[in-house]
Amino acid sequence: MTELSFPCVSVSSSGDEYFQVCFQEADDSDEAYLLIQRQFEDDDGGCLYLECPHEPMGGHSKITWAELGRGVLRLEFRSRPAETIQIRFVASDAQYKELKRILSIMIPADVFHAAV
């Protein structure tokens, strides 16, 4: 399991077609981050795009399990062997609510589980 920790999280969307979650070391930092994106303009086969400059992960992958809790997101990706990423983050109540909303759009309902 790869474990990452970021004090900042941001979410964004463009219409009903593009969604993004970014965990960062600092707002607008290019040094340390994990970017998760999904687009619905074209058939993407249910894949998410990941980008992390300092980790050997990235590209398009399918999620087989996602669990969001207050301050932690755990993602399991379809690969051989399956890869799990656990991200610790800090978010206000409003940020957490928006993060949960955006992730529930990006990740299929049968694999996304979120705490209240």
N, C-alpha and C. Protein backbone atom coordinates (compact mmCIF):
# COMPACT_ATOMS: atom_id res chain seq x y z
N MET A 1 0.86 -1.18 0.00
CA MET A 1 0.00 0.00 0.00
C MET A 1 0.89 1.23 0.00
N THR A 2 0.55 2.17 -0.86
CA THR A 2 1.23 3.46 -0.90
C THR A 2 0.46 4.41 0.00
N GLU A 3 1.15 5.06 0.93
CA GLU A 3 0.51 6.02 1.82
C GLU A 3 1.06 7.41 1.55
N LEU A 4 0.14 8.36 1.37
CA LEU A 4 0.49 9.74 1.11
C LEU A 4 -0.25 10.64 2.09
N SER A 5 0.31 11.80 2.35
CA SER A 5 -0.34 12.74 3.26
C SER A 5 -0.21 14.15 2.70
N PHE A 6 -1.34 14.83 2.59
CA PHE A 6 -1.37 16.19 2.06
C PHE A 6 -2.27 17.06 2.93
N PRO A 7 -1.82 18.24 3.31
CA PRO A 7 -2.66 19.10 4.15
C PRO A 7 -3.76 19.84 3.38
N CYS A 8 -3.68 19.89 2.07
CA CYS A 8 -4.68 20.64 1.29
C CYS A 8 -5.40 19.74 0.31
N VAL A 9 -6.68 20.03 0.12
CA VAL A 9 -7.47 19.32 -0.89
C VAL A 9 -8.36 20.35 -1.60
N SER A 10 -8.48 20.18 -2.91
CA SER A 10 -9.38 21.05 -3.67
C SER A 10 -10.13 20.20 -4.68
N VAL A 11 -11.32 20.64 -5.02
CA VAL A 11 -12.14 19.96 -6.01
C VAL A 11 -12.62 20.98 -7.02
N SER A 12 -12.82 20.51 -8.25
CA SER A 12 -13.35 21.41 -9.27
C SER A 12 -14.09 20.59 -10.31
N SER A 13 -14.91 21.30 -11.06
CA SER A 13 -15.66 20.65 -12.13
C SER A 13 -15.92 21.67 -13.23
N SER A 14 -16.20 21.15 -14.41
CA SER A 14 -16.55 21.99 -15.53
C SER A 14 -17.80 21.38 -16.15
N GLY A 15 -18.92 22.02 -15.88
CA GLY A 15 -20.19 21.48 -16.35
C GLY A 15 -20.43 20.11 -15.75
N ASP A 16 -21.00 19.24 -16.53
CA ASP A 16 -21.24 17.87 -16.09
C ASP A 16 -20.28 16.90 -16.76
N GLU A 17 -19.16 17.42 -17.29
CA GLU A 17 -18.27 16.59 -18.09
C GLU A 17 -16.89 16.36 -17.48
N TYR A 18 -16.35 17.30 -16.74
CA TYR A 18 -14.99 17.20 -16.22
C TYR A 18 -14.99 17.41 -14.71
N PHE A 19 -14.31 16.51 -13.99
CA PHE A 19 -14.24 16.58 -12.54
C PHE A 19 -12.80 16.33 -12.10
N GLN A 20 -12.39 17.02 -11.04
CA GLN A 20 -11.02 16.90 -10.59
C GLN A 20 -10.93 17.04 -9.07
N VAL A 21 -10.09 16.21 -8.48
CA VAL A 21 -9.74 16.31 -7.06
C VAL A 21 -8.23 16.41 -7.00
N CYS A 22 -7.74 17.36 -6.22
CA CYS A 22 -6.29 17.53 -6.10
C CYS A 22 -5.91 17.62 -4.62
N PHE A 23 -5.04 16.72 -4.21
CA PHE A 23 -4.46 16.75 -2.87
C PHE A 23 -3.08 17.36 -3.02
N GLN A 24 -2.75 18.36 -2.17
CA GLN A 24 -1.50 19.10 -2.35
C GLN A 24 -0.80 19.36 -1.03
N GLU A 25 0.49 19.64 -1.15
CA GLU A 25 1.30 20.05 -0.01
C GLU A 25 0.90 21.46 0.42
N ALA A 26 0.61 22.33 -0.55
CA ALA A 26 0.15 23.69 -0.31
C ALA A 26 -0.73 24.10 -1.49
N ASP A 27 -1.59 25.08 -1.28
CA ASP A 27 -2.44 25.55 -2.38
C ASP A 27 -1.58 25.95 -3.57
N ASP A 28 -1.97 25.48 -4.75
CA ASP A 28 -1.28 25.79 -6.01
C ASP A 28 0.18 25.34 -6.03
N SER A 29 0.51 24.28 -5.31
CA SER A 29 1.87 23.76 -5.29
C SER A 29 2.06 22.74 -6.41
N ASP A 30 3.20 22.80 -7.08
CA ASP A 30 3.54 21.81 -8.09
C ASP A 30 4.57 20.81 -7.55
N GLU A 31 4.97 20.98 -6.31
CA GLU A 31 6.01 20.13 -5.73
C GLU A 31 5.50 18.75 -5.35
N ALA A 32 4.47 18.70 -4.55
CA ALA A 32 3.93 17.42 -4.08
C ALA A 32 2.41 17.47 -4.20
N TYR A 33 1.87 16.56 -4.99
CA TYR A 33 0.43 16.53 -5.17
C TYR A 33 0.01 15.17 -5.71
N LEU A 34 -1.28 14.92 -5.60
CA LEU A 34 -1.91 13.77 -6.23
C LEU A 34 -3.17 14.31 -6.90
N LEU A 35 -3.25 14.17 -8.20
CA LEU A 35 -4.36 14.67 -8.99
C LEU A 35 -5.18 13.48 -9.47
N ILE A 36 -6.50 13.58 -9.31
CA ILE A 36 -7.42 12.55 -9.79
C ILE A 36 -8.45 13.26 -10.67
N GLN A 37 -8.59 12.78 -11.91
CA GLN A 37 -9.52 13.40 -12.85
C GLN A 37 -10.40 12.36 -13.51
N ARG A 38 -11.58 12.82 -13.94
CA ARG A 38 -12.47 11.97 -14.74
C ARG A 38 -13.25 12.87 -15.67
N GLN A 39 -13.41 12.41 -16.89
CA GLN A 39 -14.19 13.16 -17.87
C GLN A 39 -15.32 12.27 -18.38
N PHE A 40 -16.44 12.89 -18.70
CA PHE A 40 -17.61 12.17 -19.20
C PHE A 40 -17.99 12.60 -20.61
N GLU A 41 -17.15 13.42 -21.24
CA GLU A 41 -17.44 13.89 -22.59
C GLU A 41 -17.38 12.72 -23.58
N ASP A 42 -16.39 11.86 -23.44
CA ASP A 42 -16.24 10.68 -24.28
C ASP A 42 -16.29 9.45 -23.38
N ASP A 43 -16.57 8.29 -23.96
CA ASP A 43 -16.56 7.05 -23.18
C ASP A 43 -15.13 6.76 -22.73
N ASP A 44 -14.92 6.78 -21.43
CA ASP A 44 -13.58 6.55 -20.88
C ASP A 44 -13.43 5.15 -20.27
N GLY A 45 -14.45 4.32 -20.46
CA GLY A 45 -14.38 2.97 -19.92
C GLY A 45 -14.41 2.91 -18.41
N GLY A 46 -14.84 4.00 -17.77
CA GLY A 46 -14.91 4.02 -16.31
C GLY A 46 -13.57 4.25 -15.64
N CYS A 47 -12.60 4.76 -16.37
CA CYS A 47 -11.26 4.98 -15.81
C CYS A 47 -11.09 6.38 -15.24
N LEU A 48 -10.27 6.46 -14.22
CA LEU A 48 -9.83 7.73 -13.66
C LEU A 48 -8.40 7.98 -14.13
N TYR A 49 -8.04 9.25 -14.22
CA TYR A 49 -6.67 9.62 -14.54
C TYR A 49 -6.00 10.08 -13.26
N LEU A 50 -4.83 9.52 -12.96
CA LEU A 50 -4.06 9.91 -11.79
C LEU A 50 -2.73 10.50 -12.21
N GLU A 51 -2.29 11.49 -11.42
CA GLU A 51 -0.98 12.09 -11.66
C GLU A 51 -0.36 12.41 -10.31
N CYS A 52 0.87 11.95 -10.12
CA CYS A 52 1.61 12.20 -8.88
C CYS A 52 3.09 12.27 -9.27
N PRO A 53 3.71 13.44 -9.20
CA PRO A 53 5.05 13.61 -9.76
C PRO A 53 6.16 12.79 -9.10
N HIS A 54 6.00 12.44 -7.84
CA HIS A 54 7.09 11.77 -7.13
C HIS A 54 6.79 10.31 -6.79
N GLU A 55 5.79 9.74 -7.39
CA GLU A 55 5.43 8.35 -7.12
C GLU A 55 5.36 7.61 -8.45
N PRO A 56 5.66 6.32 -8.44
CA PRO A 56 5.62 5.55 -9.70
C PRO A 56 4.19 5.15 -10.09
N MET A 57 3.27 6.06 -9.94
CA MET A 57 1.88 5.78 -10.32
C MET A 57 1.42 6.88 -11.24
N GLY A 58 0.45 6.58 -12.00
CA GLY A 58 -0.10 7.59 -12.88
C GLY A 58 -0.72 6.95 -14.09
N GLY A 59 -1.45 7.75 -14.83
CA GLY A 59 -2.13 7.26 -16.01
C GLY A 59 -3.58 6.93 -15.73
N HIS A 60 -4.18 6.21 -16.65
CA HIS A 60 -5.60 5.86 -16.55
C HIS A 60 -5.75 4.50 -15.89
N SER A 61 -6.62 4.43 -14.88
CA SER A 61 -6.84 3.19 -14.14
C SER A 61 -8.30 3.09 -13.73
N LYS A 62 -8.75 1.85 -13.56
CA LYS A 62 -10.08 1.60 -13.01
C LYS A 62 -9.97 1.39 -11.51
N ILE A 63 -10.94 1.94 -10.79
CA ILE A 63 -11.02 1.78 -9.34
C ILE A 63 -11.89 0.56 -9.05
N THR A 64 -11.41 -0.32 -8.17
CA THR A 64 -12.22 -1.47 -7.79
C THR A 64 -12.82 -1.29 -6.39
N TRP A 65 -12.29 -0.35 -5.62
CA TRP A 65 -12.81 -0.06 -4.28
C TRP A 65 -12.36 1.34 -3.91
N ALA A 66 -13.27 2.13 -3.33
CA ALA A 66 -12.94 3.47 -2.86
C ALA A 66 -13.67 3.70 -1.56
N GLU A 67 -12.94 4.18 -0.57
CA GLU A 67 -13.52 4.42 0.74
C GLU A 67 -13.07 5.79 1.24
N LEU A 68 -14.04 6.66 1.48
CA LEU A 68 -13.76 8.01 1.95
C LEU A 68 -14.21 8.14 3.39
N GLY A 69 -13.31 8.58 4.23
CA GLY A 69 -13.62 8.87 5.63
C GLY A 69 -13.15 10.28 5.93
N ARG A 70 -13.48 10.75 7.09
CA ARG A 70 -13.05 12.10 7.48
C ARG A 70 -11.53 12.12 7.60
N GLY A 71 -10.86 12.68 6.63
CA GLY A 71 -9.40 12.80 6.68
C GLY A 71 -8.63 11.70 5.98
N VAL A 72 -9.32 10.74 5.34
CA VAL A 72 -8.59 9.69 4.63
C VAL A 72 -9.41 9.18 3.44
N LEU A 73 -8.71 8.96 2.33
CA LEU A 73 -9.31 8.37 1.14
C LEU A 73 -8.46 7.16 0.77
N ARG A 74 -9.11 6.01 0.64
CA ARG A 74 -8.41 4.79 0.24
C ARG A 74 -8.96 4.34 -1.11
N LEU A 75 -8.05 4.16 -2.06
CA LEU A 75 -8.41 3.75 -3.40
C LEU A 75 -7.69 2.46 -3.75
N GLU A 76 -8.42 1.51 -4.33
CA GLU A 76 -7.80 0.28 -4.82
C GLU A 76 -7.99 0.24 -6.33
N PHE A 77 -6.89 0.02 -7.03
CA PHE A 77 -6.89 0.04 -8.48
C PHE A 77 -6.76 -1.36 -9.05
N ARG A 78 -7.41 -1.57 -10.18
CA ARG A 78 -7.30 -2.84 -10.88
C ARG A 78 -5.91 -2.90 -11.51
N SER A 79 -5.12 -3.78 -11.02
CA SER A 79 -3.79 -4.05 -11.57
C SER A 79 -3.36 -5.40 -11.05
N ARG A 80 -2.25 -5.88 -11.48
CA ARG A 80 -1.74 -7.17 -10.99
C ARG A 80 -0.38 -6.96 -10.40
N PRO A 81 -0.22 -7.05 -9.11
CA PRO A 81 -1.27 -7.21 -8.10
C PRO A 81 -2.04 -5.89 -7.93
N ALA A 82 -3.20 -5.99 -7.29
CA ALA A 82 -4.01 -4.78 -7.05
C ALA A 82 -3.19 -3.78 -6.25
N GLU A 83 -3.31 -2.52 -6.60
CA GLU A 83 -2.56 -1.48 -5.91
C GLU A 83 -3.52 -0.64 -5.09
N THR A 84 -3.12 -0.35 -3.85
CA THR A 84 -3.94 0.47 -2.96
C THR A 84 -3.17 1.73 -2.60
N ILE A 85 -3.86 2.86 -2.65
CA ILE A 85 -3.30 4.14 -2.24
C ILE A 85 -4.16 4.66 -1.10
N GLN A 86 -3.51 5.08 -0.02
CA GLN A 86 -4.22 5.71 1.08
C GLN A 86 -3.71 7.13 1.20
N ILE A 87 -4.64 8.09 1.13
CA ILE A 87 -4.30 9.51 1.16
C ILE A 87 -4.89 10.13 2.42
N ARG A 88 -4.05 10.68 3.24
CA ARG A 88 -4.50 11.43 4.41
C ARG A 88 -4.53 12.90 4.03
N PHE A 89 -5.59 13.60 4.47
CA PHE A 89 -5.76 15.00 4.10
C PHE A 89 -6.48 15.75 5.21
N VAL A 90 -6.45 17.07 5.10
CA VAL A 90 -7.15 17.95 6.03
C VAL A 90 -8.18 18.73 5.22
N ALA A 91 -9.42 18.75 5.70
CA ALA A 91 -10.49 19.47 4.99
C ALA A 91 -11.50 20.01 5.99
N SER A 92 -12.00 21.19 5.70
CA SER A 92 -13.09 21.75 6.50
C SER A 92 -14.34 20.92 6.23
N ASP A 93 -15.40 21.15 7.00
CA ASP A 93 -16.65 20.43 6.77
C ASP A 93 -17.19 20.69 5.36
N ALA A 94 -17.11 21.93 4.92
CA ALA A 94 -17.60 22.28 3.58
C ALA A 94 -16.74 21.61 2.50
N GLN A 95 -15.42 21.60 2.67
CA GLN A 95 -14.54 20.94 1.70
C GLN A 95 -14.81 19.44 1.66
N TYR A 96 -15.00 18.83 2.82
CA TYR A 96 -15.26 17.39 2.87
C TYR A 96 -16.58 17.06 2.15
N LYS A 97 -17.59 17.87 2.39
CA LYS A 97 -18.89 17.65 1.75
C LYS A 97 -18.77 17.74 0.23
N GLU A 98 -18.02 18.72 -0.27
CA GLU A 98 -17.84 18.88 -1.71
C GLU A 98 -16.96 17.76 -2.27
N LEU A 99 -15.93 17.35 -1.54
CA LEU A 99 -15.09 16.23 -1.94
C LEU A 99 -15.93 14.96 -2.10
N LYS A 100 -16.77 14.70 -1.12
CA LYS A 100 -17.64 13.52 -1.18
C LYS A 100 -18.59 13.59 -2.38
N ARG A 101 -19.14 14.75 -2.66
CA ARG A 101 -20.05 14.92 -3.78
C ARG A 101 -19.34 14.66 -5.12
N ILE A 102 -18.17 15.25 -5.28
CA ILE A 102 -17.44 15.11 -6.54
C ILE A 102 -16.95 13.67 -6.73
N LEU A 103 -16.42 13.04 -5.67
CA LEU A 103 -15.96 11.66 -5.79
C LEU A 103 -17.13 10.71 -6.11
N SER A 104 -18.32 11.01 -5.57
CA SER A 104 -19.47 10.15 -5.86
C SER A 104 -19.91 10.26 -7.32
N ILE A 105 -19.54 11.33 -7.99
CA ILE A 105 -19.80 11.47 -9.42
C ILE A 105 -18.71 10.74 -10.21
N MET A 106 -17.47 10.89 -9.79
CA MET A 106 -16.33 10.35 -10.51
C MET A 106 -16.20 8.83 -10.41
N ILE A 107 -16.56 8.27 -9.26
CA ILE A 107 -16.34 6.86 -8.98
C ILE A 107 -17.68 6.13 -8.99
N PRO A 108 -17.78 5.02 -9.69
CA PRO A 108 -19.06 4.28 -9.74
C PRO A 108 -19.60 3.95 -8.35
N ALA A 109 -20.92 4.03 -8.20
CA ALA A 109 -21.57 3.85 -6.89
C ALA A 109 -21.32 2.48 -6.28
N ASP A 110 -21.14 1.46 -7.10
CA ASP A 110 -20.94 0.13 -6.53
C ASP A 110 -19.56 -0.07 -5.91
N VAL A 111 -18.63 0.85 -6.14
CA VAL A 111 -17.30 0.73 -5.52
C VAL A 111 -16.97 1.89 -4.58
N PHE A 112 -17.81 2.94 -4.55
CA PHE A 112 -17.54 4.11 -3.70
C PHE A 112 -18.33 4.03 -2.40
N HIS A 113 -17.62 4.14 -1.30
CA HIS A 113 -18.23 4.09 0.03
C HIS A 113 -17.71 5.28 0.82
N ALA A 114 -18.64 6.05 1.40
CA ALA A 114 -18.25 7.26 2.12
C ALA A 114 -18.92 7.30 3.49
N ALA A 115 -18.15 7.77 4.47
CA ALA A 115 -18.69 7.99 5.80
C ALA A 115 -19.52 9.27 5.75
N VAL A 116 -20.45 9.37 6.64
CA VAL A 116 -21.33 10.56 6.70
C VAL A 116 -20.54 11.78 7.12
